[in-house]
Amino acid sequence: MNKQLSMSFFQDELAEVKTNKITFLEQMNRLVPWGKWIGIIEPYYYKGERGNMPYGLERLDSNCIL
């Protein structure tokens, strides 16, 4: 007979996914020189003169995600 899954099962699964995401972002922060990347992209990044306003370049930095 199959038992119904409990909510704690799903909470455990979500916690594991969150941990993997944080681990990945920490590795990205160690490998990618974000300051240099932003400096290279900034002159070419959309400035929002027409249409929708763009997201700030800092949002591309994974530090904002953590």
C-alpha atoms as a PDB file:
ATOM      1  CA  MET A   1       0.000   0.000   0.000  1.00  0.00           C
ATOM      2  CA  ASN A   2       1.326   3.448  -0.938  1.00  0.00           C
ATOM      3  CA  LYS A   3       1.473   6.068   1.777  1.00  0.00           C
ATOM      4  CA  GLN A   4       0.696   9.700   1.174  1.00  0.00           C
ATOM      5  CA  LEU A   5       3.748  11.955   1.154  1.00  0.00           C
ATOM      6  CA  SER A   6       3.960  14.359   4.048  1.00  0.00           C
ATOM      7  CA  MET A   7       4.711  18.075   3.848  1.00  0.00           C
ATOM      8  CA  SER A   8       7.965  17.520   5.729  1.00  0.00           C
ATOM      9  CA  PHE A   9       9.151  15.409   2.801  1.00  0.00           C
ATOM     10  CA  PHE A  10       8.674  18.368   0.461  1.00  0.00           C
ATOM     11  CA  GLN A  11      10.333  20.779   2.896  1.00  0.00           C
ATOM     12  CA  ASP A  12      13.381  18.519   3.016  1.00  0.00           C
ATOM     13  CA  GLU A  13      13.504  18.411  -0.780  1.00  0.00           C
ATOM     14  CA  LEU A  14      13.241  22.206  -1.059  1.00  0.00           C
ATOM     15  CA  ALA A  15      15.972  22.699   1.537  1.00  0.00           C
ATOM     16  CA  GLU A  16      18.291  20.490  -0.489  1.00  0.00           C
ATOM     17  CA  VAL A  17      17.631  22.454  -3.669  1.00  0.00           C
ATOM     18  CA  LYS A  18      18.297  25.723  -1.868  1.00  0.00           C
ATOM     19  CA  THR A  19      21.582  24.339  -0.550  1.00  0.00           C
ATOM     20  CA  ASN A  20      22.656  23.319  -4.049  1.00  0.00           C
ATOM     21  CA  LYS A  21      21.790  26.768  -5.381  1.00  0.00           C
ATOM     22  CA  ILE A  22      23.798  28.518  -2.680  1.00  0.00           C
ATOM     23  CA  THR A  23      26.749  26.189  -3.259  1.00  0.00           C
ATOM     24  CA  PHE A  24      26.652  26.917  -6.982  1.00  0.00           C
ATOM     25  CA  LEU A  25      26.492  30.688  -6.448  1.00  0.00           C
ATOM     26  CA  GLU A  26      29.393  30.575  -3.996  1.00  0.00           C
ATOM     27  CA  GLN A  27      31.474  28.753  -6.604  1.00  0.00           C
ATOM     28  CA  MET A  28      30.515  31.363  -9.214  1.00  0.00           C
ATOM     29  CA  ASN A  29      31.588  34.182  -6.870  1.00  0.00           C
ATOM     30  CA  ARG A  30      34.983  32.560  -6.459  1.00  0.00           C
ATOM     31  CA  LEU A  31      35.502  32.035 -10.206  1.00  0.00           C
ATOM     32  CA  VAL A  32      34.026  35.137 -11.867  1.00  0.00           C
ATOM     33  CA  PRO A  33      35.649  38.576 -11.427  1.00  0.00           C
ATOM     34  CA  TRP A  34      32.330  40.458 -11.229  1.00  0.00           C
ATOM     35  CA  GLY A  35      33.883  43.925 -11.033  1.00  0.00           C
ATOM     36  CA  LYS A  36      35.747  43.431 -14.319  1.00  0.00           C
ATOM     37  CA  TRP A  37      32.702  41.966 -16.053  1.00  0.00           C
ATOM     38  CA  ILE A  38      30.492  44.889 -15.059  1.00  0.00           C
ATOM     39  CA  GLY A  39      33.161  47.336 -16.248  1.00  0.00           C
ATOM     40  CA  ILE A  40      33.302  45.620 -19.647  1.00  0.00           C
ATOM     41  CA  ILE A  41      29.524  45.375 -20.113  1.00  0.00           C
ATOM     42  CA  GLU A  42      28.519  48.808 -18.790  1.00  0.00           C
ATOM     43  CA  PRO A  43      29.388  50.914 -21.881  1.00  0.00           C
ATOM     44  CA  TYR A  44      27.218  48.663 -24.074  1.00  0.00           C
ATOM     45  CA  TYR A  45      24.378  47.979 -21.631  1.00  0.00           C
ATOM     46  CA  TYR A  46      20.928  49.363 -22.495  1.00  0.00           C
ATOM     47  CA  LYS A  47      20.416  52.707 -20.762  1.00  0.00           C
ATOM     48  CA  GLY A  48      16.601  52.812 -20.922  1.00  0.00           C
ATOM     49  CA  GLU A  49      16.252  55.836 -23.174  1.00  0.00           C
ATOM     50  CA  ARG A  50      13.115  54.341 -24.748  1.00  0.00           C
ATOM     51  CA  GLY A  51      10.766  51.637 -23.628  1.00  0.00           C
ATOM     52  CA  ASN A  52      11.112  49.705 -20.403  1.00  0.00           C
ATOM     53  CA  MET A  53      13.701  50.616 -17.824  1.00  0.00           C
ATOM     54  CA  PRO A  54      16.562  48.116 -17.652  1.00  0.00           C
ATOM     55  CA  TYR A  55      17.651  46.179 -14.601  1.00  0.00           C
ATOM     56  CA  GLY A  56      20.786  47.508 -12.943  1.00  0.00           C
ATOM     57  CA  LEU A  57      24.023  45.762 -13.825  1.00  0.00           C
ATOM     58  CA  GLU A  58      24.491  44.926 -10.157  1.00  0.00           C
ATOM     59  CA  ARG A  59      21.544  42.539 -10.454  1.00  0.00           C
ATOM     60  CA  LEU A  60      23.653  40.463 -12.828  1.00  0.00           C
ATOM     61  CA  ASP A  61      26.124  40.001 -10.009  1.00  0.00           C
ATOM     62  CA  SER A  62      25.317  36.789  -8.122  1.00  0.00           C
ATOM     63  CA  ASN A  63      25.997  38.531  -4.785  1.00  0.00           C
ATOM     64  CA  CYS A  64      22.559  40.121  -5.126  1.00  0.00           C
ATOM     65  CA  ILE A  65      20.927  36.706  -5.420  1.00  0.00           C
ATOM     66  CA  LEU A  66      22.247  35.424  -2.117  1.00  0.00           C
END
